Amino acid sequence: MNTESWKLLAEFVAQRAELGEREWYFDPIPYLTRSSDTRAVLVEEAGDACGCEVASHGPAPAGVGADTLDELMGTVGRCLRCPLGSTRRNFVFGSGNHRAEVMFVGEAPGADEDAQGLPFVGRAGQLLTRMIESIKLRREDVYITNVLKCRPPGNRDPLQAEIEKCEPILLRQIEIIRPKIICALGRISGKTLLRTEASLTALRWKVHNYHGVKLVVTYHPAALLRNQQWKRPAWEDLKFLRREYDGVEIR
């Protein structure tokens, strides 16, 4: 194996150690090109070198232990746990108030977000800003992120394997921020967080529980740009969010 491959392997091992993991998934690693025989040797040598258990299949749970969002970003910002790490331009961690009481969670970054490294900065992001302001909050008062931190090719829906790799980061973000309420933006985000195949209609206008935090679901801003008729029900969702957050009635 060449020097560059060893450097990439060392970086991967260091990231997993920082996350507190002792069992790692190496197959596939998109940034290493090798035969199946080479892969087997790589996995065996990695286990011998670090004294840790190395799995050749199956995801390992992440033990993200950072105490602040800055520390967490420093730990996971170069993540290569899934193939999206090799195709992204930027890792889109999140933005906003680190002690926000209201948190918005989308499904994954788009092209604009991937280019800038910030969530919801394109047309959908501009609409989200207006949505937040419509319920008498400011974008700088809330925290905005996505389930996935890297853009899926062609903005396709997140794959389950990608969600399993990325969701521990989101969980730690929530633990650090400690919001009073989370708003899942869109069907994919809602069903991912709630582990359900229910429709968006079935998820809306209800208070759900996500790891002890209130969670409500509404339309994704990108969907509202494509379907103007959904803006009115989305407005009702936002008023419901504000009422569940702090009892304020928006008219």
C-alpha atoms as a PDB file:
ATOM      1  CA  MET A   1       0.000   0.000   0.000  1.00  0.00           C
ATOM      2  CA  ASN A   2       1.379   3.401  -0.954  1.00  0.00           C
ATOM      3  CA  THR A   3       2.212   6.287   1.390  1.00  0.00           C
ATOM      4  CA  GLU A   4      -0.930   8.260   0.579  1.00  0.00           C
ATOM      5  CA  SER A   5      -3.147   5.282   1.384  1.00  0.00           C
ATOM      6  CA  TRP A   6      -1.417   4.839   4.748  1.00  0.00           C
ATOM      7  CA  LYS A   7      -1.920   8.544   5.482  1.00  0.00           C
ATOM      8  CA  LEU A   8      -5.640   8.241   4.736  1.00  0.00           C
ATOM      9  CA  LEU A   9      -5.884   5.135   6.888  1.00  0.00           C
ATOM     10  CA  ALA A  10      -4.091   6.893   9.752  1.00  0.00           C
ATOM     11  CA  GLU A  11      -6.490   9.838   9.476  1.00  0.00           C
ATOM     12  CA  PHE A  12      -9.477   7.488   9.528  1.00  0.00           C
ATOM     13  CA  VAL A  13      -8.165   5.627  12.580  1.00  0.00           C
ATOM     14  CA  ALA A  14      -7.471   8.916  14.396  1.00  0.00           C
ATOM     15  CA  GLN A  15     -11.005  10.148  13.736  1.00  0.00           C
ATOM     16  CA  ARG A  16     -12.558   6.958  15.049  1.00  0.00           C
ATOM     17  CA  ALA A  17     -10.376   7.072  18.179  1.00  0.00           C
ATOM     18  CA  GLU A  18     -11.395  10.698  18.818  1.00  0.00           C
ATOM     19  CA  LEU A  19     -15.038   9.608  18.624  1.00  0.00           C
ATOM     20  CA  GLY A  20     -14.361   6.985  21.269  1.00  0.00           C
ATOM     21  CA  GLU A  21     -14.972   3.997  18.992  1.00  0.00           C
ATOM     22  CA  ARG A  22     -13.207   0.664  19.295  1.00  0.00           C
ATOM     23  CA  GLU A  23     -14.933  -1.101  16.422  1.00  0.00           C
ATOM     24  CA  TRP A  24     -14.768   0.385  12.927  1.00  0.00           C
ATOM     25  CA  TYR A  25     -16.259  -0.199   9.520  1.00  0.00           C
ATOM     26  CA  PHE A  26     -13.733  -0.148   6.675  1.00  0.00           C
ATOM     27  CA  ASP A  27     -15.743  -1.520   3.751  1.00  0.00           C
ATOM     28  CA  PRO A  28     -16.226   0.379   1.543  1.00  0.00           C
ATOM     29  CA  ILE A  29     -13.681   3.180   1.935  1.00  0.00           C
ATOM     30  CA  PRO A  30     -14.213   5.170  -1.257  1.00  0.00           C
ATOM     31  CA  TYR A  31     -10.920   6.994  -1.135  1.00  0.00           C
ATOM     32  CA  LEU A  32      -8.831   3.797  -1.153  1.00  0.00           C
ATOM     33  CA  THR A  33      -8.727   1.732  -4.341  1.00  0.00           C
ATOM     34  CA  ARG A  34      -7.730  -1.849  -3.679  1.00  0.00           C
ATOM     35  CA  SER A  35      -8.566  -5.456  -4.429  1.00  0.00           C
ATOM     36  CA  SER A  36     -10.527  -7.655  -2.057  1.00  0.00           C
ATOM     37  CA  ASP A  37      -7.275  -9.356  -0.989  1.00  0.00           C
ATOM     38  CA  THR A  38      -5.670  -6.007  -0.211  1.00  0.00           C
ATOM     39  CA  ARG A  39      -8.755  -4.968   1.743  1.00  0.00           C
ATOM     40  CA  ALA A  40      -8.552  -8.055   3.924  1.00  0.00           C
ATOM     41  CA  VAL A  41      -4.882  -7.367   4.675  1.00  0.00           C
ATOM     42  CA  LEU A  42      -5.654  -3.728   5.399  1.00  0.00           C
ATOM     43  CA  VAL A  43      -8.334  -4.607   7.956  1.00  0.00           C
ATOM     44  CA  GLU A  44      -6.145  -7.220   9.640  1.00  0.00           C
ATOM     45  CA  GLU A  45      -3.124  -4.910   9.802  1.00  0.00           C
ATOM     46  CA  ALA A  46      -5.200  -2.035  11.150  1.00  0.00           C
ATOM     47  CA  GLY A  47      -6.457  -4.174  14.015  1.00  0.00           C
ATOM     48  CA  ASP A  48      -2.982  -5.430  14.838  1.00  0.00           C
ATOM     49  CA  ALA A  49      -1.474  -1.960  14.718  1.00  0.00           C
ATOM     50  CA  CYS A  50      -3.865  -0.250  17.114  1.00  0.00           C
ATOM     51  CA  GLY A  51      -4.912  -3.123  19.367  1.00  0.00           C
ATOM     52  CA  CYS A  52      -8.570  -2.430  18.629  1.00  0.00           C
ATOM     53  CA  GLU A  53     -11.364  -4.564  17.253  1.00  0.00           C
ATOM     54  CA  VAL A  54     -11.979  -3.897  13.553  1.00  0.00           C
ATOM     55  CA  ALA A  55     -15.192  -5.028  11.871  1.00  0.00           C
ATOM     56  CA  SER A  56     -15.262  -5.877   8.189  1.00  0.00           C
ATOM     57  CA  HIS A  57     -18.994  -5.292   7.980  1.00  0.00           C
ATOM     58  CA  GLY A  58     -21.741  -3.398   9.763  1.00  0.00           C
ATOM     59  CA  PRO A  59     -21.826   0.144  11.196  1.00  0.00           C
ATOM     60  CA  ALA A  60     -20.363   0.860  14.600  1.00  0.00           C
ATOM     61  CA  PRO A  61     -22.074   3.264  17.014  1.00  0.00           C
ATOM     62  CA  ALA A  62     -20.311   6.585  17.431  1.00  0.00           C
ATOM     63  CA  GLY A  63     -19.343   7.800  20.881  1.00  0.00           C
ATOM     64  CA  VAL A  64     -19.160  11.519  20.285  1.00  0.00           C
ATOM     65  CA  GLY A  65     -17.834  13.064  23.487  1.00  0.00           C
ATOM     66  CA  ALA A  66     -17.157  16.732  22.727  1.00  0.00           C
ATOM     67  CA  ASP A  67     -18.439  19.287  25.262  1.00  0.00           C
ATOM     68  CA  THR A  68     -19.006  22.226  22.883  1.00  0.00           C
ATOM     69  CA  LEU A  69     -20.110  22.614  19.291  1.00  0.00           C
ATOM     70  CA  ASP A  70     -16.689  23.978  18.354  1.00  0.00           C
ATOM     71  CA  GLU A  71     -15.000  20.919  19.843  1.00  0.00           C
ATOM     72  CA  LEU A  72     -17.454  18.644  18.086  1.00  0.00           C
ATOM     73  CA  MET A  73     -16.848  20.337  14.750  1.00  0.00           C
ATOM     74  CA  GLY A  74     -13.117  20.000  15.298  1.00  0.00           C
ATOM     75  CA  THR A  75     -13.565  16.284  15.909  1.00  0.00           C
ATOM     76  CA  VAL A  76     -15.926  15.394  13.070  1.00  0.00           C
ATOM     77  CA  GLY A  77     -15.342  18.134  10.497  1.00  0.00           C
ATOM     78  CA  ARG A  78     -13.076  15.937   8.359  1.00  0.00           C
ATOM     79  CA  CYS A  79     -15.287  12.874   8.704  1.00  0.00           C
ATOM     80  CA  LEU A  80     -14.819  10.096   6.147  1.00  0.00           C
ATOM     81  CA  ARG A  81     -17.107   7.527   7.723  1.00  0.00           C
ATOM     82  CA  CYS A  82     -19.259   7.119   4.610  1.00  0.00           C
ATOM     83  CA  PRO A  83     -18.697   7.597   0.858  1.00  0.00           C
ATOM     84  CA  LEU A  84     -20.152  11.115   0.928  1.00  0.00           C
ATOM     85  CA  GLY A  85     -16.986  12.282   2.660  1.00  0.00           C
ATOM     86  CA  SER A  86     -15.032  11.805  -0.534  1.00  0.00           C
ATOM     87  CA  THR A  87     -17.496  13.692  -2.768  1.00  0.00           C
ATOM     88  CA  ARG A  88     -18.345  16.748  -0.677  1.00  0.00           C
ATOM     89  CA  ARG A  89     -16.806  20.189  -1.119  1.00  0.00           C
ATOM     90  CA  ASN A  90     -17.556  21.226   2.465  1.00  0.00           C
ATOM     91  CA  PHE A  91     -18.730  19.529   5.653  1.00  0.00           C
ATOM     92  CA  VAL A  92     -21.954  21.378   6.564  1.00  0.00           C
ATOM     93  CA  PHE A  93     -22.022  21.185  10.352  1.00  0.00           C
ATOM     94  CA  GLY A  94     -24.680  23.764  11.250  1.00  0.00           C
ATOM     95  CA  SER A  95     -25.062  27.420  12.190  1.00  0.00           C
ATOM     96  CA  GLY A  96     -26.798  29.655  14.681  1.00  0.00           C
ATOM     97  CA  ASN A  97     -27.079  30.168  18.408  1.00  0.00           C
ATOM     98  CA  HIS A  98     -25.132  27.539  20.349  1.00  0.00           C
ATOM     99  CA  ARG A  99     -27.699  27.799  23.139  1.00  0.00           C
ATOM    100  CA  ALA A 100     -30.769  28.050  20.927  1.00  0.00           C
ATOM    101  CA  GLU A 101     -34.093  26.980  22.362  1.00  0.00           C
ATOM    102  CA  VAL A 102     -35.481  26.293  18.878  1.00  0.00           C
ATOM    103  CA  MET A 103     -33.651  24.028  16.426  1.00  0.00           C
ATOM    104  CA  PHE A 104     -34.459  23.356  12.766  1.00  0.00           C
ATOM    105  CA  VAL A 105     -33.278  20.109  11.152  1.00  0.00           C
ATOM    106  CA  GLY A 106     -33.377  19.452   7.411  1.00  0.00           C
ATOM    107  CA  GLU A 107     -32.398  16.291   5.590  1.00  0.00           C
ATOM    108  CA  ALA A 108     -29.083  17.107   3.867  1.00  0.00           C
ATOM    109  CA  PRO A 109     -27.090  19.974   2.325  1.00  0.00           C
ATOM    110  CA  GLY A 110     -27.761  21.034  -1.265  1.00  0.00           C
ATOM    111  CA  ALA A 111     -25.399  22.474  -3.851  1.00  0.00           C
ATOM    112  CA  ASP A 112     -25.300  25.985  -2.343  1.00  0.00           C
ATOM    113  CA  GLU A 113     -24.735  24.603   1.135  1.00  0.00           C
ATOM    114  CA  ASP A 114     -21.994  22.274  -0.071  1.00  0.00           C
ATOM    115  CA  ALA A 115     -20.280  25.208  -1.774  1.00  0.00           C
ATOM    116  CA  GLN A 116     -20.432  27.529   1.251  1.00  0.00           C
ATOM    117  CA  GLY A 117     -20.240  25.048   4.129  1.00  0.00           C
ATOM    118  CA  LEU A 118     -23.374  26.495   5.751  1.00  0.00           C
ATOM    119  CA  PRO A 119     -26.914  25.074   6.016  1.00  0.00           C
ATOM    120  CA  PHE A 120     -29.872  26.597   4.183  1.00  0.00           C
ATOM    121  CA  VAL A 121     -28.162  29.399   2.280  1.00  0.00           C
ATOM    122  CA  GLY A 122     -29.809  29.052  -1.151  1.00  0.00           C
ATOM    123  CA  ARG A 123     -33.359  29.981  -2.143  1.00  0.00           C
ATOM    124  CA  ALA A 124     -34.780  27.463   0.316  1.00  0.00           C
ATOM    125  CA  GLY A 125     -32.589  28.974   3.027  1.00  0.00           C
ATOM    126  CA  GLN A 126     -33.844  32.469   2.266  1.00  0.00           C
ATOM    127  CA  LEU A 127     -37.398  31.194   2.585  1.00  0.00           C
ATOM    128  CA  LEU A 128     -36.532  29.475   5.873  1.00  0.00           C
ATOM    129  CA  THR A 129     -35.258  32.797   7.203  1.00  0.00           C
ATOM    130  CA  ARG A 130     -38.603  34.405   6.330  1.00  0.00           C
ATOM    131  CA  MET A 131     -40.456  31.508   7.932  1.00  0.00           C
ATOM    132  CA  ILE A 132     -38.501  31.977  11.161  1.00  0.00           C
ATOM    133  CA  GLU A 133     -39.124  35.714  11.126  1.00  0.00           C
ATOM    134  CA  SER A 134     -42.836  35.162  10.514  1.00  0.00           C
ATOM    135  CA  ILE A 135     -43.181  33.712  14.022  1.00  0.00           C
ATOM    136  CA  LYS A 136     -41.285  36.624  15.576  1.00  0.00           C
ATOM    137  CA  LEU A 137     -37.919  34.918  15.906  1.00  0.00           C
ATOM    138  CA  ARG A 138     -34.590  35.738  14.272  1.00  0.00           C
ATOM    139  CA  ARG A 139     -32.359  33.349  12.398  1.00  0.00           C
ATOM    140  CA  GLU A 140     -29.486  34.174  14.752  1.00  0.00           C
ATOM    141  CA  ASP A 141     -31.662  33.097  17.703  1.00  0.00           C
ATOM    142  CA  VAL A 142     -32.173  29.531  16.445  1.00  0.00           C
ATOM    143  CA  TYR A 143     -29.872  26.718  15.371  1.00  0.00           C
ATOM    144  CA  ILE A 144     -30.087  25.171  11.910  1.00  0.00           C
ATOM    145  CA  THR A 145     -28.559  21.909  10.743  1.00  0.00           C
ATOM    146  CA  ASN A 146     -29.305  18.728   8.785  1.00  0.00           C
ATOM    147  CA  VAL A 147     -29.427  15.020   9.487  1.00  0.00           C
ATOM    148  CA  LEU A 148     -26.592  14.523   6.980  1.00  0.00           C
ATOM    149  CA  LYS A 149     -23.615  16.867   7.014  1.00  0.00           C
ATOM    150  CA  CYS A 150     -22.481  16.119   3.447  1.00  0.00           C
ATOM    151  CA  ARG A 151     -24.379  16.564   0.206  1.00  0.00           C
ATOM    152  CA  PRO A 152     -25.694  13.389  -1.456  1.00  0.00           C
ATOM    153  CA  PRO A 153     -24.924  13.317  -5.209  1.00  0.00           C
ATOM    154  CA  GLY A 154     -27.682  14.949  -7.217  1.00  0.00           C
ATOM    155  CA  ASN A 155     -29.487  15.874  -3.990  1.00  0.00           C
ATOM    156  CA  ARG A 156     -30.912  12.351  -3.778  1.00  0.00           C
ATOM    157  CA  ASP A 157     -32.564  11.159  -0.568  1.00  0.00           C
ATOM    158  CA  PRO A 158     -30.170  10.088   2.206  1.00  0.00           C
ATOM    159  CA  LEU A 159     -29.387   6.390   2.379  1.00  0.00           C
ATOM    160  CA  GLN A 160     -29.961   4.512   5.628  1.00  0.00           C
ATOM    161  CA  ALA A 161     -26.251   3.687   5.925  1.00  0.00           C
ATOM    162  CA  GLU A 162     -25.410   7.395   5.621  1.00  0.00           C
ATOM    163  CA  ILE A 163     -27.977   8.311   8.255  1.00  0.00           C
ATOM    164  CA  GLU A 164     -26.539   5.741  10.660  1.00  0.00           C
ATOM    165  CA  LYS A 165     -23.090   7.282  10.285  1.00  0.00           C
ATOM    166  CA  CYS A 166     -24.233  10.888  10.654  1.00  0.00           C
ATOM    167  CA  GLU A 167     -27.066  10.826  13.177  1.00  0.00           C
ATOM    168  CA  PRO A 168     -24.769  10.431  16.228  1.00  0.00           C
ATOM    169  CA  ILE A 169     -23.310  13.840  15.332  1.00  0.00           C
ATOM    170  CA  LEU A 170     -26.801  15.350  15.274  1.00  0.00           C
ATOM    171  CA  LEU A 171     -27.608  13.708  18.599  1.00  0.00           C
ATOM    172  CA  ARG A 172     -24.525  15.230  20.183  1.00  0.00           C
ATOM    173  CA  GLN A 173     -25.404  18.637  18.726  1.00  0.00           C
ATOM    174  CA  ILE A 174     -28.808  18.365  20.393  1.00  0.00           C
ATOM    175  CA  GLU A 175     -27.253  17.272  23.693  1.00  0.00           C
ATOM    176  CA  ILE A 176     -24.905  20.258  23.659  1.00  0.00           C
ATOM    177  CA  ILE A 177     -27.456  22.862  22.536  1.00  0.00           C
ATOM    178  CA  ARG A 178     -30.326  21.475  24.666  1.00  0.00           C
ATOM    179  CA  PRO A 179     -33.170  23.048  22.648  1.00  0.00           C
ATOM    180  CA  LYS A 180     -36.699  23.170  23.994  1.00  0.00           C
ATOM    181  CA  ILE A 181     -38.160  22.170  20.658  1.00  0.00           C
ATOM    182  CA  ILE A 182     -36.977  20.813  17.292  1.00  0.00           C
ATOM    183  CA  CYS A 183     -38.651  21.443  13.958  1.00  0.00           C
ATOM    184  CA  ALA A 184     -38.026  18.725  11.369  1.00  0.00           C
ATOM    185  CA  LEU A 185     -38.154  20.225   7.894  1.00  0.00           C
ATOM    186  CA  GLY A 186     -39.747  17.859   5.417  1.00  0.00           C
ATOM    187  CA  ARG A 187     -40.856  14.244   5.191  1.00  0.00           C
ATOM    188  CA  ILE A 188     -37.336  12.777   4.992  1.00  0.00           C
ATOM    189  CA  SER A 189     -36.136  14.600   8.101  1.00  0.00           C
ATOM    190  CA  GLY A 190     -39.311  13.796  10.017  1.00  0.00           C
ATOM    191  CA  LYS A 191     -39.426  10.102   9.211  1.00  0.00           C
ATOM    192  CA  THR A 192     -35.672   9.740   9.765  1.00  0.00           C
ATOM    193  CA  LEU A 193     -35.703  11.289  13.221  1.00  0.00           C
ATOM    194  CA  LEU A 194     -38.914   9.549  14.294  1.00  0.00           C
ATOM    195  CA  ARG A 195     -38.059   6.170  12.741  1.00  0.00           C
ATOM    196  CA  THR A 196     -41.371   5.986  10.925  1.00  0.00           C
ATOM    197  CA  GLU A 197     -42.721   5.536   7.421  1.00  0.00           C
ATOM    198  CA  ALA A 198     -45.740   7.721   8.192  1.00  0.00           C
ATOM    199  CA  SER A 199     -46.666  10.395   5.677  1.00  0.00           C
ATOM    200  CA  LEU A 200     -45.880  14.055   6.187  1.00  0.00           C
ATOM    201  CA  THR A 201     -49.584  14.700   6.642  1.00  0.00           C
ATOM    202  CA  ALA A 202     -49.689  12.155   9.470  1.00  0.00           C
ATOM    203  CA  LEU A 203     -46.626  13.664  11.165  1.00  0.00           C
ATOM    204  CA  ARG A 204     -47.724  17.309  11.049  1.00  0.00           C
ATOM    205  CA  TRP A 205     -49.716  19.073  13.752  1.00  0.00           C
ATOM    206  CA  LYS A 206     -48.494  16.728  16.471  1.00  0.00           C
ATOM    207  CA  VAL A 207     -45.880  17.004  19.205  1.00  0.00           C
ATOM    208  CA  HIS A 208     -43.462  14.086  18.952  1.00  0.00           C
ATOM    209  CA  ASN A 209     -40.603  13.090  21.248  1.00  0.00           C
ATOM    210  CA  TYR A 210     -37.035  12.915  19.987  1.00  0.00           C
ATOM    211  CA  HIS A 211     -34.662  11.755  22.715  1.00  0.00           C
ATOM    212  CA  GLY A 212     -36.592  13.728  25.310  1.00  0.00           C
ATOM    213  CA  VAL A 213     -37.032  16.884  23.217  1.00  0.00           C
ATOM    214  CA  LYS A 214     -40.311  18.096  21.722  1.00  0.00           C
ATOM    215  CA  LEU A 215     -40.343  17.698  17.949  1.00  0.00           C
ATOM    216  CA  VAL A 216     -42.772  18.990  15.347  1.00  0.00           C
ATOM    217  CA  VAL A 217     -42.721  18.432  11.596  1.00  0.00           C
ATOM    218  CA  THR A 218     -43.489  20.782   8.717  1.00  0.00           C
ATOM    219  CA  TYR A 219     -42.785  21.152   5.016  1.00  0.00           C
ATOM    220  CA  HIS A 220     -39.260  21.595   3.729  1.00  0.00           C
ATOM    221  CA  PRO A 221     -38.744  25.135   2.370  1.00  0.00           C
ATOM    222  CA  ALA A 222     -37.633  23.686  -0.983  1.00  0.00           C
ATOM    223  CA  ALA A 223     -41.001  21.923  -1.264  1.00  0.00           C
ATOM    224  CA  LEU A 224     -42.787  25.205  -0.554  1.00  0.00           C
ATOM    225  CA  LEU A 225     -40.904  26.846  -3.416  1.00  0.00           C
ATOM    226  CA  ARG A 226     -42.254  24.171  -5.762  1.00  0.00           C
ATOM    227  CA  ASN A 227     -45.772  24.025  -4.329  1.00  0.00           C
ATOM    228  CA  GLN A 228     -47.257  27.390  -3.408  1.00  0.00           C
ATOM    229  CA  GLN A 229     -50.480  25.756  -2.146  1.00  0.00           C
ATOM    230  CA  TRP A 230     -48.548  24.300   0.793  1.00  0.00           C
ATOM    231  CA  LYS A 231     -47.516  27.668   2.176  1.00  0.00           C
ATOM    232  CA  ARG A 232     -50.746  28.192   4.076  1.00  0.00           C
ATOM    233  CA  PRO A 233     -50.609  24.846   5.939  1.00  0.00           C
ATOM    234  CA  ALA A 234     -46.906  25.465   6.591  1.00  0.00           C
ATOM    235  CA  TRP A 235     -47.851  28.765   8.196  1.00  0.00           C
ATOM    236  CA  GLU A 236     -50.248  26.907  10.486  1.00  0.00           C
ATOM    237  CA  ASP A 237     -47.409  24.513  11.377  1.00  0.00           C
ATOM    238  CA  LEU A 238     -45.148  27.416  12.281  1.00  0.00           C
ATOM    239  CA  LYS A 239     -47.773  28.975  14.529  1.00  0.00           C
ATOM    240  CA  PHE A 240     -48.187  25.573  16.179  1.00  0.00           C
ATOM    241  CA  LEU A 241     -44.406  25.417  16.680  1.00  0.00           C
ATOM    242  CA  ARG A 242     -44.318  28.824  18.357  1.00  0.00           C
ATOM    243  CA  ARG A 243     -47.252  27.963  20.613  1.00  0.00           C
ATOM    244  CA  GLU A 244     -45.626  24.694  21.705  1.00  0.00           C
ATOM    245  CA  TYR A 245     -42.295  26.457  22.228  1.00  0.00           C
ATOM    246  CA  ASP A 246     -43.328  29.221  24.593  1.00  0.00           C
ATOM    247  CA  GLY A 247     -47.100  29.643  24.442  1.00  0.00           C
ATOM    248  CA  VAL A 248     -47.045  32.715  22.171  1.00  0.00           C
ATOM    249  CA  GLU A 249     -49.990  32.909  19.774  1.00  0.00           C
ATOM    250  CA  ILE A 250     -49.049  34.268  16.358  1.00  0.00           C
ATOM    251  CA  ARG A 251     -51.872  35.654  14.229  1.00  0.00           C
END
